[in-house]
Protein backbone atom coordinates (compact mmCIF):
# COMPACT_ATOMS: atom_id res chain seq x y z
CA MET A 1 84.17 130.47 -21.92
CA HIS A 2 80.47 129.70 -22.26
CA ILE A 3 79.52 126.74 -24.46
CA VAL A 4 75.95 125.98 -25.53
CA VAL A 5 75.33 122.39 -26.64
CA CYS A 6 72.09 121.64 -28.48
CA LEU A 7 70.74 118.13 -27.90
CA LYS A 8 68.00 116.19 -29.67
CA GLN A 9 66.05 113.18 -28.43
CA VAL A 10 65.32 110.44 -30.98
CA LEU A 11 64.01 106.89 -31.16
CA ASP A 12 66.84 104.46 -30.53
CA PRO A 13 68.29 103.80 -34.02
CA GLU A 14 70.01 100.63 -32.86
CA ILE A 15 66.88 98.52 -32.48
CA PRO A 16 65.86 96.17 -35.34
CA ALA A 17 63.51 97.58 -37.97
CA ARG A 18 60.90 94.98 -37.00
CA ASP A 19 60.52 96.65 -33.60
CA PHE A 20 59.57 100.04 -35.06
CA ARG A 21 55.94 101.06 -35.34
CA ILE A 22 54.45 103.68 -37.68
CA ASP A 23 51.42 105.87 -37.10
CA ARG A 24 49.94 106.01 -40.61
CA ASN A 25 47.67 108.96 -39.84
CA ARG A 26 50.43 111.16 -38.40
CA ARG A 27 53.09 109.68 -40.70
CA GLU A 28 55.63 109.31 -37.94
CA ALA A 29 57.46 106.55 -36.13
CA VAL A 30 56.10 105.78 -32.68
CA PRO A 31 58.11 104.23 -29.85
CA GLY A 32 56.68 100.71 -29.76
CA SER A 33 59.48 98.81 -28.07
CA ALA A 34 62.06 101.46 -29.03
CA ALA A 35 63.50 103.61 -26.27
CA LEU A 36 64.02 107.35 -26.58
CA VAL A 37 67.71 108.26 -26.51
CA THR A 38 69.94 111.26 -27.10
CA ASN A 39 71.05 111.56 -30.71
CA ILE A 40 74.54 110.08 -30.93
CA PHE A 41 76.11 113.05 -32.77
CA CYS A 42 74.67 115.37 -30.13
CA GLU A 43 76.38 113.21 -27.52
CA ASN A 44 79.65 113.61 -29.45
CA ALA A 45 79.13 117.37 -29.28
CA LEU A 46 78.51 117.25 -25.53
CA GLU A 47 81.60 115.09 -25.01
CA LEU A 48 83.72 117.56 -26.96
CA ALA A 49 82.32 120.42 -24.86
CA LEU A 50 83.15 118.55 -21.66
CA GLN A 51 86.72 118.02 -22.84
CA VAL A 52 87.10 121.75 -23.52
CA ALA A 53 85.71 122.52 -20.06
CA GLU A 54 88.22 120.14 -18.46
CA ARG A 55 91.12 121.93 -20.18
CA GLU A 56 89.85 125.43 -19.48
CA PRO A 57 88.79 126.07 -15.86
CA GLY A 58 85.83 128.39 -15.51
CA THR A 59 84.12 127.14 -18.66
CA THR A 60 80.35 126.74 -18.33
CA ILE A 61 78.16 124.47 -20.44
CA THR A 62 74.47 125.06 -21.12
CA ALA A 63 72.53 122.13 -22.61
CA VAL A 64 69.50 123.13 -24.69
CA SER A 65 66.86 120.82 -26.12
CA VAL A 66 63.54 121.33 -27.90
CA GLY A 67 60.69 118.86 -27.58
CA PRO A 68 58.00 117.33 -25.36
CA ALA A 69 58.23 116.39 -21.67
CA SER A 70 60.36 113.30 -22.43
CA VAL A 71 63.25 115.59 -23.41
CA GLU A 72 63.91 116.05 -19.70
CA ASP A 73 65.66 112.65 -19.69
CA THR A 74 68.18 113.90 -22.25
CA LEU A 75 68.81 117.07 -20.24
CA ARG A 76 69.15 115.14 -16.97
CA LYS A 77 71.85 113.01 -18.58
CA ALA A 78 73.69 116.16 -19.68
CA LEU A 79 73.54 117.48 -16.10
CA ALA A 80 74.80 114.12 -14.81
CA LEU A 81 77.78 114.51 -17.14
CA LYS A 82 78.51 117.89 -15.53
CA ALA A 83 76.77 120.34 -17.83
CA THR A 84 76.32 123.54 -15.82
CA ARG A 85 72.75 124.34 -16.81
CA ALA A 86 69.89 122.78 -18.76
CA VAL A 87 67.21 124.58 -20.80
CA HIS A 88 64.09 122.87 -22.14
CA VAL A 89 62.08 124.56 -24.89
CA ARG A 90 58.75 122.78 -24.41
CA VAL A 91 56.97 121.94 -27.66
CA ASP A 92 54.21 119.33 -27.70
CA GLY A 93 52.18 117.70 -30.43
CA ILE A 94 54.23 118.81 -33.44
CA VAL A 95 55.23 116.16 -35.97
CA HIS A 96 58.39 116.51 -38.09
CA THR A 97 59.67 119.87 -36.88
CA ALA A 98 61.42 121.34 -39.92
CA PRO A 99 65.11 122.29 -39.56
CA ALA A 100 64.29 125.98 -40.12
CA ASP A 101 61.70 125.96 -37.32
CA MET A 102 64.04 124.07 -35.02
CA ALA A 103 66.85 126.53 -35.77
CA ARG A 104 64.65 129.52 -34.91
CA LEU A 105 63.70 127.97 -31.56
CA LEU A 106 67.28 127.04 -30.70
CA ALA A 107 68.65 130.42 -31.75
CA ALA A 108 66.04 132.26 -29.66
CA ALA A 109 66.88 130.11 -26.63
CA ILE A 110 70.63 130.71 -27.14
CA ARG A 111 70.03 134.47 -27.26
CA LYS A 112 68.08 134.27 -24.01
CA VAL A 113 70.85 132.54 -22.05
CA ASP A 114 74.22 134.18 -21.34
CA ALA A 115 76.22 135.14 -24.43
CA ALA A 116 77.74 132.00 -25.95
CA ASP A 117 81.33 131.77 -27.14
CA LEU A 118 80.83 128.39 -28.77
CA VAL A 119 77.58 126.79 -29.95
CA MET A 120 77.81 123.05 -30.66
CA LEU A 121 75.32 120.73 -32.36
CA GLY A 122 75.51 117.20 -33.71
CA ARG A 123 76.24 117.02 -37.44
CA GLU A 124 72.81 115.44 -38.08
CA SER A 125 70.03 113.61 -36.29
CA ALA A 126 69.59 109.85 -36.31
CA ASP A 127 65.89 110.06 -37.16
CA TRP A 128 65.51 112.38 -40.17
CA GLY A 129 69.17 113.09 -40.89
CA PHE A 130 68.66 116.48 -42.54
CA GLY A 131 72.02 117.83 -41.38
CA GLN A 132 70.83 121.42 -41.81
CA THR A 133 70.03 122.70 -38.33
CA GLY A 134 73.56 123.74 -37.35
CA ALA A 135 74.09 125.99 -40.37
CA LEU A 136 70.59 127.46 -39.95
CA VAL A 137 71.26 128.25 -36.27
CA ALA A 138 74.44 130.07 -37.33
CA GLU A 139 72.43 132.04 -39.89
CA GLU A 140 69.81 132.95 -37.28
CA LEU A 141 72.55 134.14 -34.90
CA ALA A 142 74.58 135.80 -37.67
CA LEU A 143 77.68 133.87 -36.58
CA PRO A 144 80.38 132.03 -38.55
CA PHE A 145 79.81 128.30 -39.02
CA VAL A 146 82.11 125.27 -39.31
CA GLY A 147 80.73 121.80 -40.02
CA PHE A 148 81.97 118.27 -39.26
CA VAL A 149 84.27 119.34 -36.43
CA ASP A 150 85.85 116.55 -34.38
CA ARG A 151 88.34 118.49 -32.22
CA VAL A 152 88.38 121.88 -30.52
CA GLU A 153 91.69 123.14 -29.11
CA ARG A 154 93.57 126.30 -28.24
CA PRO A 155 96.68 127.26 -30.24
CA ASP A 156 100.07 126.95 -28.60
CA GLY A 157 100.59 129.96 -26.38
CA GLY A 158 96.89 130.42 -25.72
CA GLY A 159 95.07 133.38 -27.20
CA LEU A 160 91.43 133.96 -27.97
CA ALA A 161 91.26 131.89 -31.15
CA LEU A 162 90.05 128.30 -31.28
CA LEU A 163 91.68 125.66 -33.44
CA LEU A 164 89.02 123.50 -35.07
CA ARG A 165 89.74 120.27 -36.90
CA ARG A 166 87.02 119.26 -39.34
CA GLN A 167 86.61 116.11 -41.37
CA THR A 168 86.42 116.33 -45.17
CA ASP A 169 85.98 113.79 -47.96
CA THR A 170 89.73 113.66 -48.46
CA GLY A 171 91.13 114.15 -44.95
CA TRP A 172 91.08 116.93 -42.36
CA GLU A 173 91.20 120.70 -42.32
CA ARG A 174 92.48 122.81 -39.43
CA LEU A 175 90.84 126.20 -39.02
CA ALA A 176 91.34 129.09 -36.63
CA ALA A 177 88.11 130.71 -35.43
CA THR A 178 87.58 133.63 -33.11
CA PRO A 179 84.54 133.14 -30.83
CA PRO A 180 81.62 133.32 -31.01
CA VAL A 181 81.23 130.54 -33.56
CA VAL A 182 78.75 127.75 -34.32
CA VAL A 183 80.01 124.24 -35.11
CA THR A 184 78.48 120.87 -35.86
CA VAL A 185 80.31 117.88 -34.43
CA THR A 186 80.93 114.52 -36.02
CA ASN A 187 82.15 111.33 -34.40
CA ASP A 188 85.81 110.59 -33.74
CA GLU A 189 87.71 108.12 -31.58
CA ARG A 190 88.52 111.00 -29.21
CA ASN A 191 84.94 112.17 -28.62
CA VAL A 192 83.24 108.88 -27.77
CA PRO A 193 80.48 109.79 -25.26
CA ARG A 194 81.32 109.03 -21.64
CA ILE A 195 78.90 107.24 -19.30
CA PRO A 196 77.60 109.17 -16.28
CA LYS A 197 78.18 107.76 -12.82
CA THR A 198 75.16 106.51 -10.90
CA ARG A 199 75.65 109.06 -8.14
CA ASP A 200 75.81 111.90 -10.69
CA VAL A 201 72.61 110.67 -12.34
CA MET A 202 70.86 110.76 -8.96
CA MET A 203 72.23 114.21 -8.22
CA SER A 204 71.03 115.52 -11.58
CA TYR A 205 67.42 115.08 -10.44
CA ARG A 206 68.04 117.65 -7.71
CA GLN A 207 69.00 120.29 -10.26
CA ALA A 208 66.47 122.65 -11.79
CA ILE A 209 65.80 122.66 -15.52
CA THR A 210 64.79 125.99 -17.03
CA THR A 211 61.66 125.51 -19.13
CA TRP A 212 60.48 127.95 -21.80
CA THR A 213 57.70 127.83 -24.37
CA PRO A 214 57.97 129.34 -27.85
CA ALA A 215 55.87 132.25 -26.54
CA ASP A 216 58.50 132.89 -23.84
CA LEU A 217 61.00 133.27 -26.67
CA GLY A 218 58.76 135.61 -28.63
CA LEU A 219 57.96 132.97 -31.24
CA SER A 220 54.92 131.14 -32.52
CA PRO A 221 54.79 127.35 -32.14
CA PRO A 222 56.61 125.40 -34.87
CA THR A 223 54.79 124.88 -38.14
CA SER A 224 52.55 121.82 -38.13
CA ALA A 225 53.15 119.05 -40.66
CA SER A 226 50.19 120.15 -42.79
CA GLU A 227 51.61 123.70 -43.10
CA ALA A 228 55.28 122.85 -43.52
CA ALA A 229 57.18 123.64 -46.69
CA VAL A 230 58.26 119.98 -46.85
CA GLU A 231 55.57 117.34 -46.43
CA VAL A 232 56.14 113.69 -45.53
CA VAL A 233 54.13 111.79 -48.12
CA ASP A 234 54.73 108.28 -46.82
CA LEU A 235 56.75 106.40 -44.25
CA SER A 236 57.45 102.68 -44.25
CA ILE A 237 59.59 100.09 -42.54
CA PRO A 238 62.12 98.38 -44.85
CA ALA A 239 61.16 94.76 -45.45
CA ARG A 240 63.54 91.99 -46.49
CA ASP A 241 62.55 88.54 -47.65
CA VAL A 242 64.81 86.19 -45.71
CA GLN A 243 64.92 82.49 -46.54
CA CYS A 244 66.73 79.83 -44.59
CA GLU A 245 67.80 76.42 -45.86
CA MET A 246 69.21 73.69 -43.64
CA MET A 247 71.92 71.43 -45.02
CA THR A 248 71.30 67.74 -44.38
CA GLY A 249 73.76 64.89 -44.36
CA LYS A 250 74.98 62.07 -42.20
CA THR A 251 78.48 63.49 -41.78
CA LEU A 252 80.04 66.94 -41.55
CA ASP A 253 81.72 66.44 -44.95
CA GLU A 254 78.35 65.73 -46.59
CA LYS A 255 76.88 68.89 -45.04
CA VAL A 256 79.84 71.01 -46.17
CA ASP A 257 79.67 69.60 -49.71
CA GLY A 258 75.94 70.30 -49.83
CA PHE A 259 76.49 73.84 -48.58
CA ALA A 260 79.20 74.49 -51.21
CA ARG A 261 77.00 73.17 -54.04
CA ARG A 262 74.10 75.39 -52.89
CA VAL A 263 76.32 78.47 -52.78
CA LEU A 264 77.53 77.77 -56.34
CA GLU A 265 73.92 77.40 -57.53
CA ILE A 266 72.98 80.76 -56.02
CA VAL A 267 76.04 82.49 -57.52
CA ARG A 268 75.38 81.04 -61.00
CA ALA A 269 71.71 81.95 -60.80
CA GLY A 270 72.62 85.52 -59.87
CA SER A 271 75.04 85.89 -62.77
């Protein structure tokens, strides 16, 4: 089986909002003190692919990512986790790549590598959160699509079909799909991303990464922000007014009583 996992690099969503910086002219978040990391749902997809490869000897995994030079870090991590091959579609200087443009680039790259039995993407990205790219890749490739998958298994007795479990608003659905198929992966307790070993990280830097440009794929560069169908009008950092009051008193009981009275005042004022 050949699995293609699409990975996206994003600003670390775990840092406090106060550490983000915004370029007002380009209307985009800039790193500031935020590190660039692999999107967490993409890591869930890679983990699920690795689990399939462990169960099925001979399975190969190709990691594909679109973006600037920094994307190499994401692909090196995938190689350290035992992805077979890494492909970088080099795109520089484009702000807010629309899901449709991203899907065209990913689909073209997937066509250029060996035929894929299973294409896996994260359910959405941690930066813009559109949640559309997976379905659009499936449309570009003319393949069936299943969203919010958290497990990929083989039916009892083997066979060509894959058993996919997907999350829904009311529980889970189990579907049988005959490859090739495109899925988006959501998080689950069984697909928590593993951590690469130090030795494997070092070894990953000895492996070659295939680099293509949009022209190599027969495509024009992605649409710029000024030409996109969807335009970002404004971008801001959420601001909260936080006030702190210190309770005074000679004893702990006095401080607790003062705290209780203040809480009651706030509750009554709010009601």
